[in-house]
Amino acid sequence: MQNNSILVIDDEEIVRETITDTLEDSGYELISAGNGRRVRRVTNHLS
């Protein structure tokens, strides 16, 4: 099975929520981050 994961990055919570909800409804797994520090932690964890 294909892994369809997307990292959503935006500092505006409502934008992240809208994108996340839309993509989750399409079957994607999402990780969201609101700032650069969070992105760095997430990407370091995934590496």
N, C-alpha and C. Protein backbone atom coordinates (compact mmCIF):
# COMPACT_ATOMS: atom_id res chain seq x y z
N MET A 1 0.83 -1.18 0.00
CA MET A 1 0.00 0.00 0.00
C MET A 1 0.88 1.24 0.00
N GLN A 2 0.46 2.24 -0.73
CA GLN A 2 1.21 3.49 -0.87
C GLN A 2 1.02 4.36 0.37
N ASN A 3 2.10 5.00 0.81
CA ASN A 3 2.03 5.93 1.94
C ASN A 3 1.79 7.33 1.40
N ASN A 4 0.62 7.88 1.67
CA ASN A 4 0.26 9.20 1.18
C ASN A 4 0.27 10.19 2.33
N SER A 5 1.45 10.59 2.76
CA SER A 5 1.59 11.53 3.87
C SER A 5 2.00 12.89 3.35
N ILE A 6 1.43 13.93 3.97
CA ILE A 6 1.73 15.30 3.58
C ILE A 6 2.03 16.11 4.83
N LEU A 7 3.07 16.92 4.74
CA LEU A 7 3.41 17.86 5.81
C LEU A 7 2.81 19.21 5.46
N VAL A 8 1.88 19.70 6.28
CA VAL A 8 1.22 20.98 6.06
C VAL A 8 1.86 22.00 6.99
N ILE A 9 2.38 23.09 6.40
CA ILE A 9 3.07 24.12 7.18
C ILE A 9 2.41 25.46 6.90
N ASP A 10 1.91 26.08 7.95
CA ASP A 10 1.37 27.44 7.84
C ASP A 10 1.26 28.01 9.25
N ASP A 11 1.56 29.29 9.39
CA ASP A 11 1.50 29.88 10.72
C ASP A 11 0.08 30.26 11.15
N GLU A 12 -0.87 30.21 10.22
CA GLU A 12 -2.26 30.52 10.54
C GLU A 12 -3.01 29.21 10.79
N GLU A 13 -3.50 29.06 12.01
CA GLU A 13 -4.16 27.81 12.40
C GLU A 13 -5.36 27.48 11.52
N ILE A 14 -6.17 28.46 11.20
CA ILE A 14 -7.36 28.20 10.38
C ILE A 14 -6.99 27.69 8.99
N VAL A 15 -5.89 28.17 8.45
CA VAL A 15 -5.42 27.69 7.14
C VAL A 15 -4.98 26.24 7.25
N ARG A 16 -4.19 25.94 8.30
CA ARG A 16 -3.75 24.55 8.51
C ARG A 16 -4.94 23.63 8.68
N GLU A 17 -5.92 24.04 9.48
CA GLU A 17 -7.09 23.20 9.72
C GLU A 17 -7.89 22.95 8.45
N THR A 18 -8.07 23.98 7.64
CA THR A 18 -8.82 23.84 6.40
C THR A 18 -8.13 22.88 5.45
N ILE A 19 -6.84 23.06 5.27
CA ILE A 19 -6.07 22.18 4.38
C ILE A 19 -6.06 20.76 4.93
N THR A 20 -5.83 20.62 6.22
CA THR A 20 -5.79 19.31 6.86
C THR A 20 -7.12 18.58 6.70
N ASP A 21 -8.22 19.26 6.99
CA ASP A 21 -9.54 18.62 6.86
C ASP A 21 -9.81 18.17 5.44
N THR A 22 -9.50 19.01 4.48
CA THR A 22 -9.74 18.69 3.07
C THR A 22 -8.92 17.48 2.64
N LEU A 23 -7.65 17.47 2.98
CA LEU A 23 -6.79 16.37 2.55
C LEU A 23 -7.09 15.07 3.29
N GLU A 24 -7.44 15.15 4.57
CA GLU A 24 -7.81 13.94 5.32
C GLU A 24 -9.06 13.31 4.72
N ASP A 25 -10.00 14.14 4.30
CA ASP A 25 -11.21 13.62 3.65
C ASP A 25 -10.87 12.90 2.34
N SER A 26 -9.73 13.22 1.75
CA SER A 26 -9.28 12.56 0.52
C SER A 26 -8.40 11.35 0.79
N GLY A 27 -8.20 11.02 2.06
CA GLY A 27 -7.47 9.81 2.41
C GLY A 27 -6.00 9.98 2.73
N TYR A 28 -5.52 11.19 2.82
CA TYR A 28 -4.11 11.41 3.12
C TYR A 28 -3.88 11.44 4.62
N GLU A 29 -2.69 11.01 5.02
CA GLU A 29 -2.25 11.16 6.40
C GLU A 29 -1.46 12.45 6.48
N LEU A 30 -1.72 13.25 7.51
CA LEU A 30 -1.12 14.57 7.59
C LEU A 30 -0.35 14.79 8.87
N ILE A 31 0.67 15.59 8.73
CA ILE A 31 1.41 16.14 9.86
C ILE A 31 1.37 17.63 9.65
N SER A 32 1.00 18.38 10.69
CA SER A 32 0.93 19.82 10.51
C SER A 32 1.88 20.52 11.46
N ALA A 33 2.34 21.67 11.02
CA ALA A 33 3.27 22.47 11.81
C ALA A 33 2.97 23.94 11.60
N GLY A 34 3.06 24.70 12.68
CA GLY A 34 2.75 26.12 12.61
C GLY A 34 3.95 27.03 12.61
N ASN A 35 5.14 26.44 12.79
CA ASN A 35 6.33 27.29 12.79
C ASN A 35 7.56 26.46 12.42
N GLY A 36 8.64 27.16 12.18
CA GLY A 36 9.87 26.51 11.74
C GLY A 36 10.46 25.53 12.73
N ARG A 37 10.35 25.85 14.02
CA ARG A 37 10.88 24.93 15.03
C ARG A 37 10.15 23.59 15.00
N ARG A 38 8.84 23.67 14.85
CA ARG A 38 8.04 22.44 14.78
C ARG A 38 8.39 21.64 13.52
N VAL A 39 8.56 22.31 12.41
CA VAL A 39 8.94 21.64 11.17
C VAL A 39 10.27 20.93 11.35
N ARG A 40 11.21 21.60 11.95
CA ARG A 40 12.54 21.01 12.18
C ARG A 40 12.43 19.75 13.04
N ARG A 41 11.64 19.82 14.11
CA ARG A 41 11.46 18.65 14.98
C ARG A 41 10.82 17.50 14.22
N VAL A 42 9.79 17.80 13.44
CA VAL A 42 9.09 16.76 12.69
C VAL A 42 10.01 16.12 11.67
N THR A 43 10.70 16.93 10.89
CA THR A 43 11.57 16.37 9.85
C THR A 43 12.75 15.61 10.43
N ASN A 44 13.27 16.06 11.55
CA ASN A 44 14.36 15.32 12.20
C ASN A 44 13.86 13.97 12.69
N HIS A 45 12.65 13.94 13.18
CA HIS A 45 12.06 12.68 13.68
C HIS A 45 11.79 11.70 12.54
N LEU A 46 11.42 12.22 11.37
CA LEU A 46 11.10 11.36 10.23
C LEU A 46 12.33 10.85 9.50
N SER A 47 13.46 11.51 9.68
CA SER A 47 14.68 11.12 8.96
C SER A 47 15.25 9.83 9.45
